[in-house]
PDB file of all heavy atoms in Angstrom:
ATOM      1  N   VAL A   1      -5.839 -14.486   6.538  1.00  0.00           N
ATOM      2  CA  VAL A   1      -6.001 -13.143   7.112  1.00  0.00           C
ATOM      3  C   VAL A   1      -4.696 -12.366   7.000  1.00  0.00           C
ATOM      4  O   VAL A   1      -4.689 -11.196   6.593  1.00  0.00           O
ATOM      5  CB  VAL A   1      -6.449 -13.234   8.584  1.00  0.00           C
ATOM      6  CG1 VAL A   1      -6.335 -11.858   9.269  1.00  0.00           C
ATOM      7  CG2 VAL A   1      -7.877 -13.740   8.675  1.00  0.00           C
ATOM      8  N   MET A   2      -3.579 -13.006   7.335  1.00  0.00           N
ATOM      9  CA  MET A   2      -2.287 -12.324   7.272  1.00  0.00           C
ATOM     10  C   MET A   2      -1.914 -11.977   5.841  1.00  0.00           C
ATOM     11  O   MET A   2      -1.283 -10.935   5.596  1.00  0.00           O
ATOM     12  CB  MET A   2      -1.206 -13.198   7.894  1.00  0.00           C
ATOM     13  CG  MET A   2       0.125 -12.471   8.089  1.00  0.00           C
ATOM     14  SD  MET A   2      -0.029 -10.985   9.121  1.00  0.00           S
ATOM     15  CE  MET A   2      -0.296 -11.751  10.731  1.00  0.00           C
ATOM     16  N   LEU A   3      -2.307 -12.822   4.893  1.00  0.00           N
ATOM     17  CA  LEU A   3      -2.037 -12.525   3.486  1.00  0.00           C
ATOM     18  C   LEU A   3      -2.715 -11.222   3.072  1.00  0.00           C
ATOM     19  O   LEU A   3      -2.093 -10.361   2.434  1.00  0.00           O
ATOM     20  CB  LEU A   3      -2.521 -13.683   2.607  1.00  0.00           C
ATOM     21  CG  LEU A   3      -2.405 -13.502   1.090  1.00  0.00           C
ATOM     22  CD1 LEU A   3      -0.950 -13.314   0.675  1.00  0.00           C
ATOM     23  CD2 LEU A   3      -3.016 -14.706   0.366  1.00  0.00           C
ATOM     24  N   PHE A   4      -3.976 -11.055   3.450  1.00  0.00           N
ATOM     25  CA  PHE A   4      -4.701  -9.846   3.079  1.00  0.00           C
ATOM     26  C   PHE A   4      -4.240  -8.641   3.903  1.00  0.00           C
ATOM     27  O   PHE A   4      -4.161  -7.523   3.378  1.00  0.00           O
ATOM     28  CB  PHE A   4      -6.205 -10.060   3.221  1.00  0.00           C
ATOM     29  CG  PHE A   4      -6.802 -10.864   2.106  1.00  0.00           C
ATOM     30  CD1 PHE A   4      -7.063 -12.215   2.258  1.00  0.00           C
ATOM     31  CD2 PHE A   4      -7.071 -10.268   0.876  1.00  0.00           C
ATOM     32  CE1 PHE A   4      -7.590 -12.968   1.225  1.00  0.00           C
ATOM     33  CE2 PHE A   4      -7.599 -11.011  -0.174  1.00  0.00           C
ATOM     34  CZ  PHE A   4      -7.863 -12.353  -0.004  1.00  0.00           C
ATOM     35  N   VAL A   5      -3.929  -8.848   5.179  1.00  0.00           N
ATOM     36  CA  VAL A   5      -3.453  -7.752   6.020  1.00  0.00           C
ATOM     37  C   VAL A   5      -2.104  -7.227   5.514  1.00  0.00           C
ATOM     38  O   VAL A   5      -1.890  -6.013   5.409  1.00  0.00           O
ATOM     39  CB  VAL A   5      -3.340  -8.191   7.495  1.00  0.00           C
ATOM     40  CG1 VAL A   5      -2.581  -7.153   8.321  1.00  0.00           C
ATOM     41  CG2 VAL A   5      -4.727  -8.415   8.085  1.00  0.00           C
ATOM     42  N   SER A   6      -1.187  -8.141   5.192  1.00  0.00           N
ATOM     43  CA  SER A   6       0.129  -7.721   4.700  1.00  0.00           C
ATOM     44  C   SER A   6       0.021  -7.036   3.343  1.00  0.00           C
ATOM     45  O   SER A   6       0.755  -6.083   3.057  1.00  0.00           O
ATOM     46  CB  SER A   6       1.073  -8.928   4.611  1.00  0.00           C
ATOM     47  OG  SER A   6       0.614  -9.874   3.659  1.00  0.00           O
ATOM     48  N   SER A   7      -0.918  -7.504   2.510  1.00  0.00           N
ATOM     49  CA  SER A   7      -1.122  -6.868   1.200  1.00  0.00           C
ATOM     50  C   SER A   7      -1.685  -5.458   1.366  1.00  0.00           C
ATOM     51  O   SER A   7      -1.265  -4.521   0.678  1.00  0.00           O
ATOM     52  CB  SER A   7      -2.075  -7.710   0.347  1.00  0.00           C
ATOM     53  OG  SER A   7      -1.575  -9.017   0.175  1.00  0.00           O
ATOM     54  N   LEU A   8      -2.635  -5.308   2.288  1.00  0.00           N
ATOM     55  CA  LEU A   8      -3.189  -3.992   2.561  1.00  0.00           C
ATOM     56  C   LEU A   8      -2.120  -3.054   3.117  1.00  0.00           C
ATOM     57  O   LEU A   8      -2.032  -1.887   2.713  1.00  0.00           O
ATOM     58  CB  LEU A   8      -4.350  -4.107   3.554  1.00  0.00           C
ATOM     59  CG  LEU A   8      -5.004  -2.783   3.991  1.00  0.00           C
ATOM     60  CD1 LEU A   8      -5.590  -2.052   2.786  1.00  0.00           C
ATOM     61  CD2 LEU A   8      -6.078  -3.051   5.042  1.00  0.00           C
ATOM     62  N   ALA A   9      -1.285  -3.566   4.022  1.00  0.00           N
ATOM     63  CA  ALA A   9      -0.202  -2.752   4.587  1.00  0.00           C
ATOM     64  C   ALA A   9       0.786  -2.334   3.500  1.00  0.00           C
ATOM     65  O   ALA A   9       1.266  -1.195   3.484  1.00  0.00           O
ATOM     66  CB  ALA A   9       0.509  -3.535   5.683  1.00  0.00           C
ATOM     67  N   PHE A  10       1.072  -3.253   2.578  1.00  0.00           N
ATOM     68  CA  PHE A  10       1.965  -2.958   1.461  1.00  0.00           C
ATOM     69  C   PHE A  10       1.382  -1.842   0.599  1.00  0.00           C
ATOM     70  O   PHE A  10       2.085  -0.912   0.191  1.00  0.00           O
ATOM     71  CB  PHE A  10       2.162  -4.231   0.634  1.00  0.00           C
ATOM     72  CG  PHE A  10       3.191  -4.124  -0.455  1.00  0.00           C
ATOM     73  CD1 PHE A  10       4.534  -4.092  -0.159  1.00  0.00           C
ATOM     74  CD2 PHE A  10       2.812  -4.091  -1.799  1.00  0.00           C
ATOM     75  CE1 PHE A  10       5.499  -4.010  -1.159  1.00  0.00           C
ATOM     76  CE2 PHE A  10       3.745  -4.015  -2.810  1.00  0.00           C
ATOM     77  CZ  PHE A  10       5.096  -3.974  -2.482  1.00  0.00           C
ATOM     78  N   GLY A  11       0.073  -1.927   0.331  1.00  0.00           N
ATOM     79  CA  GLY A  11      -0.588  -0.889  -0.453  1.00  0.00           C
ATOM     80  C   GLY A  11      -0.612   0.439   0.275  1.00  0.00           C
ATOM     81  O   GLY A  11      -0.344   1.495  -0.323  1.00  0.00           O
ATOM     82  N   LEU A  12      -0.922   0.435   1.569  1.00  0.00           N
ATOM     83  CA  LEU A  12      -0.968   1.674   2.349  1.00  0.00           C
ATOM     84  C   LEU A  12       0.404   2.331   2.434  1.00  0.00           C
ATOM     85  O   LEU A  12       0.515   3.559   2.384  1.00  0.00           O
ATOM     86  CB  LEU A  12      -1.495   1.391   3.760  1.00  0.00           C
ATOM     87  CG  LEU A  12      -2.987   1.075   3.865  1.00  0.00           C
ATOM     88  CD1 LEU A  12      -3.338   0.586   5.264  1.00  0.00           C
ATOM     89  CD2 LEU A  12      -3.823   2.313   3.513  1.00  0.00           C
ATOM     90  N   ALA A  13       1.447   1.507   2.550  1.00  0.00           N
ATOM     91  CA  ALA A  13       2.803   2.052   2.605  1.00  0.00           C
ATOM     92  C   ALA A  13       3.154   2.777   1.309  1.00  0.00           C
ATOM     93  O   ALA A  13       3.835   3.808   1.327  1.00  0.00           O
ATOM     94  CB  ALA A  13       3.819   0.933   2.865  1.00  0.00           C
ATOM     95  N   HIS A  14       2.675   2.247   0.185  1.00  0.00           N
ATOM     96  CA  HIS A  14       2.934   2.891  -1.098  1.00  0.00           C
ATOM     97  C   HIS A  14       1.990   4.066  -1.351  1.00  0.00           C
ATOM     98  O   HIS A  14       2.249   4.899  -2.219  1.00  0.00           O
ATOM     99  CB  HIS A  14       2.795   1.885  -2.243  1.00  0.00           C
ATOM    100  CG  HIS A  14       3.938   0.924  -2.335  1.00  0.00           C
ATOM    101  ND1 HIS A  14       4.106  -0.112  -1.437  1.00  0.00           N
ATOM    102  CD2 HIS A  14       4.970   0.827  -3.207  1.00  0.00           C
ATOM    103  CE1 HIS A  14       5.193  -0.799  -1.761  1.00  0.00           C
ATOM    104  NE2 HIS A  14       5.726  -0.254  -2.829  1.00  0.00           N
ATOM    105  N   GLY A  15       0.888   4.106  -0.609  1.00  0.00           N
ATOM    106  CA  GLY A  15      -0.084   5.170  -0.847  1.00  0.00           C
ATOM    107  C   GLY A  15       0.042   6.360   0.063  1.00  0.00           C
ATOM    108  O   GLY A  15      -0.086   7.501  -0.378  1.00  0.00           O
ATOM    109  N   PHE A  16       0.318   6.106   1.362  1.00  0.00           N
ATOM    110  CA  PHE A  16       0.255   7.214   2.302  1.00  0.00           C
ATOM    111  C   PHE A  16       1.415   7.302   3.277  1.00  0.00           C
ATOM    112  O   PHE A  16       1.581   8.318   3.935  1.00  0.00           O
ATOM    113  CB  PHE A  16      -1.041   7.123   3.128  1.00  0.00           C
ATOM    114  CG  PHE A  16      -2.260   7.337   2.298  1.00  0.00           C
ATOM    115  CD1 PHE A  16      -3.051   6.257   1.922  1.00  0.00           C
ATOM    116  CD2 PHE A  16      -2.612   8.602   1.856  1.00  0.00           C
ATOM    117  CE1 PHE A  16      -4.178   6.445   1.134  1.00  0.00           C
ATOM    118  CE2 PHE A  16      -3.728   8.793   1.065  1.00  0.00           C
ATOM    119  CZ  PHE A  16      -4.518   7.715   0.709  1.00  0.00           C
ATOM    120  N   SER A  17       2.207   6.244   3.433  1.00  0.00           N
ATOM    121  CA  SER A  17       3.265   6.278   4.430  1.00  0.00           C
ATOM    122  C   SER A  17       4.287   7.354   4.110  1.00  0.00           C
ATOM    123  O   SER A  17       4.782   7.459   2.991  1.00  0.00           O
ATOM    124  CB  SER A  17       3.966   4.913   4.495  1.00  0.00           C
ATOM    125  OG  SER A  17       5.029   4.951   5.406  1.00  0.00           O
ATOM    126  N   GLY A  18       4.614   8.146   5.114  1.00  0.00           N
ATOM    127  CA  GLY A  18       5.559   9.249   4.908  1.00  0.00           C
ATOM    128  C   GLY A  18       6.957   8.794   4.553  1.00  0.00           C
ATOM    129  O   GLY A  18       7.695   9.501   3.896  1.00  0.00           O
ATOM    130  N   TRP A  19       7.321   7.538   4.979  1.00  0.00           N
ATOM    131  CA  TRP A  19       8.681   7.083   4.695  1.00  0.00           C
ATOM    132  C   TRP A  19       8.825   6.541   3.289  1.00  0.00           C
ATOM    133  O   TRP A  19       9.930   6.402   2.779  1.00  0.00           O
ATOM    134  CB  TRP A  19       9.111   6.006   5.702  1.00  0.00           C
ATOM    135  CG  TRP A  19       8.302   4.753   5.668  1.00  0.00           C
ATOM    136  CD1 TRP A  19       7.257   4.444   6.466  1.00  0.00           C
ATOM    137  CD2 TRP A  19       8.475   3.621   4.798  1.00  0.00           C
ATOM    138  NE1 TRP A  19       6.748   3.214   6.158  1.00  0.00           N
ATOM    139  CE2 TRP A  19       7.475   2.676   5.152  1.00  0.00           C
ATOM    140  CE3 TRP A  19       9.366   3.317   3.778  1.00  0.00           C
ATOM    141  CZ2 TRP A  19       7.343   1.454   4.510  1.00  0.00           C
ATOM    142  CZ3 TRP A  19       9.232   2.090   3.135  1.00  0.00           C
ATOM    143  CH2 TRP A  19       8.247   1.187   3.494  1.00  0.00           C
ATOM    144  N   HIS A  20       7.708   6.203   2.650  1.00  0.00           N
ATOM    145  CA  HIS A  20       7.830   5.551   1.350  1.00  0.00           C
ATOM    146  C   HIS A  20       8.069   6.583   0.247  1.00  0.00           C
ATOM    147  O   HIS A  20       7.393   7.595   0.162  1.00  0.00           O
ATOM    148  CB  HIS A  20       6.600   4.712   1.009  1.00  0.00           C
ATOM    149  CG  HIS A  20       6.892   3.681  -0.028  1.00  0.00           C
ATOM    150  ND1 HIS A  20       6.959   3.968  -1.365  1.00  0.00           N
ATOM    151  CD2 HIS A  20       7.201   2.363   0.086  1.00  0.00           C
ATOM    152  CE1 HIS A  20       7.265   2.874  -2.038  1.00  0.00           C
ATOM    153  NE2 HIS A  20       7.418   1.893  -1.180  1.00  0.00           N
ATOM    154  N   TYR A  21       9.031   6.287  -0.600  1.00  0.00           N
ATOM    155  CA  TYR A  21       9.479   7.239  -1.606  1.00  0.00           C
ATOM    156  C   TYR A  21       8.526   7.374  -2.779  1.00  0.00           C
ATOM    157  O   TYR A  21       8.711   8.225  -3.641  1.00  0.00           O
ATOM    158  CB  TYR A  21      10.862   6.837  -2.132  1.00  0.00           C
ATOM    159  CG  TYR A  21      10.995   5.387  -2.478  1.00  0.00           C
ATOM    160  CD1 TYR A  21      10.637   4.916  -3.733  1.00  0.00           C
ATOM    161  CD2 TYR A  21      11.470   4.486  -1.531  1.00  0.00           C
ATOM    162  CE1 TYR A  21      10.741   3.585  -4.049  1.00  0.00           C
ATOM    163  CE2 TYR A  21      11.580   3.137  -1.850  1.00  0.00           C
ATOM    164  CZ  TYR A  21      11.230   2.699  -3.106  1.00  0.00           C
ATOM    165  OH  TYR A  21      11.339   1.362  -3.415  1.00  0.00           O
ATOM    166  N   LEU A  22       7.490   6.529  -2.868  1.00  0.00           N
ATOM    167  CA  LEU A  22       6.553   6.636  -3.984  1.00  0.00           C
ATOM    168  C   LEU A  22       5.118   6.803  -3.493  1.00  0.00           C
ATOM    169  O   LEU A  22       4.186   6.417  -4.183  1.00  0.00           O
ATOM    170  CB  LEU A  22       6.649   5.395  -4.892  1.00  0.00           C
ATOM    171  CG  LEU A  22       7.892   5.289  -5.754  1.00  0.00           C
ATOM    172  CD1 LEU A  22       7.850   4.012  -6.577  1.00  0.00           C
ATOM    173  CD2 LEU A  22       8.059   6.491  -6.651  1.00  0.00           C
ATOM    174  N   ALA A  23       4.947   7.353  -2.273  1.00  0.00           N
ATOM    175  CA  ALA A  23       3.593   7.518  -1.737  1.00  0.00           C
ATOM    176  C   ALA A  23       2.734   8.282  -2.728  1.00  0.00           C
ATOM    177  O   ALA A  23       3.080   9.373  -3.157  1.00  0.00           O
ATOM    178  CB  ALA A  23       3.659   8.247  -0.401  1.00  0.00           C
ATOM    179  N   GLY A  24       1.591   7.711  -3.115  1.00  0.00           N
ATOM    180  CA  GLY A  24       0.822   8.308  -4.196  1.00  0.00           C
ATOM    181  C   GLY A  24      -0.679   8.315  -4.014  1.00  0.00           C
ATOM    182  O   GLY A  24      -1.413   8.410  -4.984  1.00  0.00           O
ATOM    183  N   GLY A  25      -1.188   8.206  -2.783  1.00  0.00           N
ATOM    184  CA  GLY A  25      -2.623   8.312  -2.574  1.00  0.00           C
ATOM    185  C   GLY A  25      -3.350   6.993  -2.717  1.00  0.00           C
ATOM    186  O   GLY A  25      -2.760   5.918  -2.824  1.00  0.00           O
ATOM    187  N   TRP A  26      -4.688   7.089  -2.703  1.00  0.00           N
ATOM    188  CA  TRP A  26      -5.536   5.891  -2.686  1.00  0.00           C
ATOM    189  C   TRP A  26      -5.298   4.976  -3.866  1.00  0.00           C
ATOM    190  O   TRP A  26      -5.400   3.755  -3.740  1.00  0.00           O
ATOM    191  CB  TRP A  26      -7.006   6.310  -2.639  1.00  0.00           C
ATOM    192  CG  TRP A  26      -7.455   6.718  -1.288  1.00  0.00           C
ATOM    193  CD1 TRP A  26      -7.734   7.977  -0.841  1.00  0.00           C
ATOM    194  CD2 TRP A  26      -7.647   5.856  -0.151  1.00  0.00           C
ATOM    195  NE1 TRP A  26      -8.095   7.959   0.480  1.00  0.00           N
ATOM    196  CE2 TRP A  26      -8.056   6.669   0.927  1.00  0.00           C
ATOM    197  CE3 TRP A  26      -7.521   4.487   0.049  1.00  0.00           C
ATOM    198  CZ2 TRP A  26      -8.330   6.144   2.189  1.00  0.00           C
ATOM    199  CZ3 TRP A  26      -7.795   3.962   1.304  1.00  0.00           C
ATOM    200  CH2 TRP A  26      -8.197   4.790   2.349  1.00  0.00           C
ATOM    201  N   ILE A  27      -5.008   5.532  -5.015  1.00  0.00           N
ATOM    202  CA  ILE A  27      -4.850   4.689  -6.192  1.00  0.00           C
ATOM    203  C   ILE A  27      -3.664   3.748  -6.041  1.00  0.00           C
ATOM    204  O   ILE A  27      -3.682   2.615  -6.511  1.00  0.00           O
ATOM    205  CB  ILE A  27      -4.731   5.547  -7.478  1.00  0.00           C
ATOM    206  CG1 ILE A  27      -4.778   4.660  -8.706  1.00  0.00           C
ATOM    207  CG2 ILE A  27      -3.448   6.383  -7.459  1.00  0.00           C
ATOM    208  CD1 ILE A  27      -6.012   3.793  -8.795  1.00  0.00           C
ATOM    209  N   PHE A  28      -2.612   4.201  -5.343  1.00  0.00           N
ATOM    210  CA  PHE A  28      -1.461   3.323  -5.122  1.00  0.00           C
ATOM    211  C   PHE A  28      -1.765   2.260  -4.083  1.00  0.00           C
ATOM    212  O   PHE A  28      -1.154   1.200  -4.092  1.00  0.00           O
ATOM    213  CB  PHE A  28      -0.232   4.157  -4.720  1.00  0.00           C
ATOM    214  CG  PHE A  28       0.656   4.492  -5.873  1.00  0.00           C
ATOM    215  CD1 PHE A  28       0.142   5.128  -6.988  1.00  0.00           C
ATOM    216  CD2 PHE A  28       1.999   4.165  -5.859  1.00  0.00           C
ATOM    217  CE1 PHE A  28       0.936   5.439  -8.070  1.00  0.00           C
ATOM    218  CE2 PHE A  28       2.812   4.468  -6.934  1.00  0.00           C
ATOM    219  CZ  PHE A  28       2.283   5.102  -8.044  1.00  0.00           C
ATOM    220  N   VAL A  29      -2.687   2.531  -3.163  1.00  0.00           N
ATOM    221  CA  VAL A  29      -3.123   1.500  -2.223  1.00  0.00           C
ATOM    222  C   VAL A  29      -3.760   0.356  -3.000  1.00  0.00           C
ATOM    223  O   VAL A  29      -3.493  -0.830  -2.754  1.00  0.00           O
ATOM    224  CB  VAL A  29      -4.124   2.074  -1.199  1.00  0.00           C
ATOM    225  CG1 VAL A  29      -4.647   0.956  -0.296  1.00  0.00           C
ATOM    226  CG2 VAL A  29      -3.475   3.173  -0.370  1.00  0.00           C
ATOM    227  N   PHE A  30      -4.583   0.695  -3.972  1.00  0.00           N
ATOM    228  CA  PHE A  30      -5.258  -0.315  -4.795  1.00  0.00           C
ATOM    229  C   PHE A  30      -4.261  -1.055  -5.678  1.00  0.00           C
ATOM    230  O   PHE A  30      -4.226  -2.296  -5.703  1.00  0.00           O
ATOM    231  CB  PHE A  30      -6.319   0.366  -5.654  1.00  0.00           C
ATOM    232  CG  PHE A  30      -6.960  -0.542  -6.662  1.00  0.00           C
ATOM    233  CD1 PHE A  30      -7.827  -1.543  -6.268  1.00  0.00           C
ATOM    234  CD2 PHE A  30      -6.686  -0.396  -8.015  1.00  0.00           C
ATOM    235  CE1 PHE A  30      -8.410  -2.395  -7.201  1.00  0.00           C
ATOM    236  CE2 PHE A  30      -7.265  -1.234  -8.954  1.00  0.00           C
ATOM    237  CZ  PHE A  30      -8.129  -2.232  -8.535  1.00  0.00           C
ATOM    238  N   ILE A  31      -3.417  -0.311  -6.400  1.00  0.00           N
ATOM    239  CA  ILE A  31      -2.482  -0.930  -7.340  1.00  0.00           C
ATOM    240  C   ILE A  31      -1.479  -1.812  -6.609  1.00  0.00           C
ATOM    241  O   ILE A  31      -1.299  -2.993  -6.922  1.00  0.00           O
ATOM    242  CB  ILE A  31      -1.748   0.143  -8.170  1.00  0.00           C
ATOM    243  CG1 ILE A  31      -2.732   0.898  -9.059  1.00  0.00           C
ATOM    244  CG2 ILE A  31      -0.653  -0.494  -9.019  1.00  0.00           C
ATOM    245  CD1 ILE A  31      -2.107   2.067  -9.803  1.00  0.00           C
ATOM    246  N   GLN A  32      -0.794  -1.236  -5.619  1.00  0.00           N
ATOM    247  CA  GLN A  32       0.260  -1.977  -4.941  1.00  0.00           C
ATOM    248  C   GLN A  32      -0.290  -2.996  -3.943  1.00  0.00           C
ATOM    249  O   GLN A  32       0.406  -3.930  -3.556  1.00  0.00           O
ATOM    250  CB  GLN A  32       1.218  -1.009  -4.255  1.00  0.00           C
ATOM    251  CG  GLN A  32       1.939  -0.082  -5.217  1.00  0.00           C
ATOM    252  CD  GLN A  32       2.672  -0.861  -6.313  1.00  0.00           C
ATOM    253  OE1 GLN A  32       3.219  -1.925  -6.064  1.00  0.00           O
ATOM    254  NE2 GLN A  32       2.671  -0.331  -7.518  1.00  0.00           N
ATOM    255  N   GLY A  33      -1.539  -2.813  -3.497  1.00  0.00           N
ATOM    256  CA  GLY A  33      -2.153  -3.827  -2.645  1.00  0.00           C
ATOM    257  C   GLY A  33      -2.300  -5.143  -3.381  1.00  0.00           C
ATOM    258  O   GLY A  33      -2.010  -6.219  -2.831  1.00  0.00           O
ATOM    259  N   VAL A  34      -2.739  -5.094  -4.624  1.00  0.00           N
ATOM    260  CA  VAL A  34      -2.863  -6.314  -5.426  1.00  0.00           C
ATOM    261  C   VAL A  34      -1.480  -6.881  -5.744  1.00  0.00           C
ATOM    262  O   VAL A  34      -1.268  -8.102  -5.720  1.00  0.00           O
ATOM    263  CB  VAL A  34      -3.652  -6.029  -6.721  1.00  0.00           C
ATOM    264  CG1 VAL A  34      -3.670  -7.262  -7.620  1.00  0.00           C
ATOM    265  CG2 VAL A  34      -5.071  -5.593  -6.392  1.00  0.00           C
ATOM    266  N   THR A  35      -0.521  -5.996  -6.027  1.00  0.00           N
ATOM    267  CA  THR A  35       0.854  -6.447  -6.250  1.00  0.00           C
ATOM    268  C   THR A  35       1.381  -7.168  -5.013  1.00  0.00           C
ATOM    269  O   THR A  35       2.010  -8.229  -5.113  1.00  0.00           O
ATOM    270  CB  THR A  35       1.765  -5.247  -6.581  1.00  0.00           C
ATOM    271  OG1 THR A  35       1.298  -4.603  -7.763  1.00  0.00           O
ATOM    272  CG2 THR A  35       3.206  -5.696  -6.786  1.00  0.00           C
TER     273      THR A  35
END
């Protein structure tokens, strides 16, 4: 569960988080979530 939760958080941070320098929308949630 934590593996998937942390991966989702990683993707969301890259997609929508205001602090992240590469926030890029839903597509980055998908791309960086798998990463």
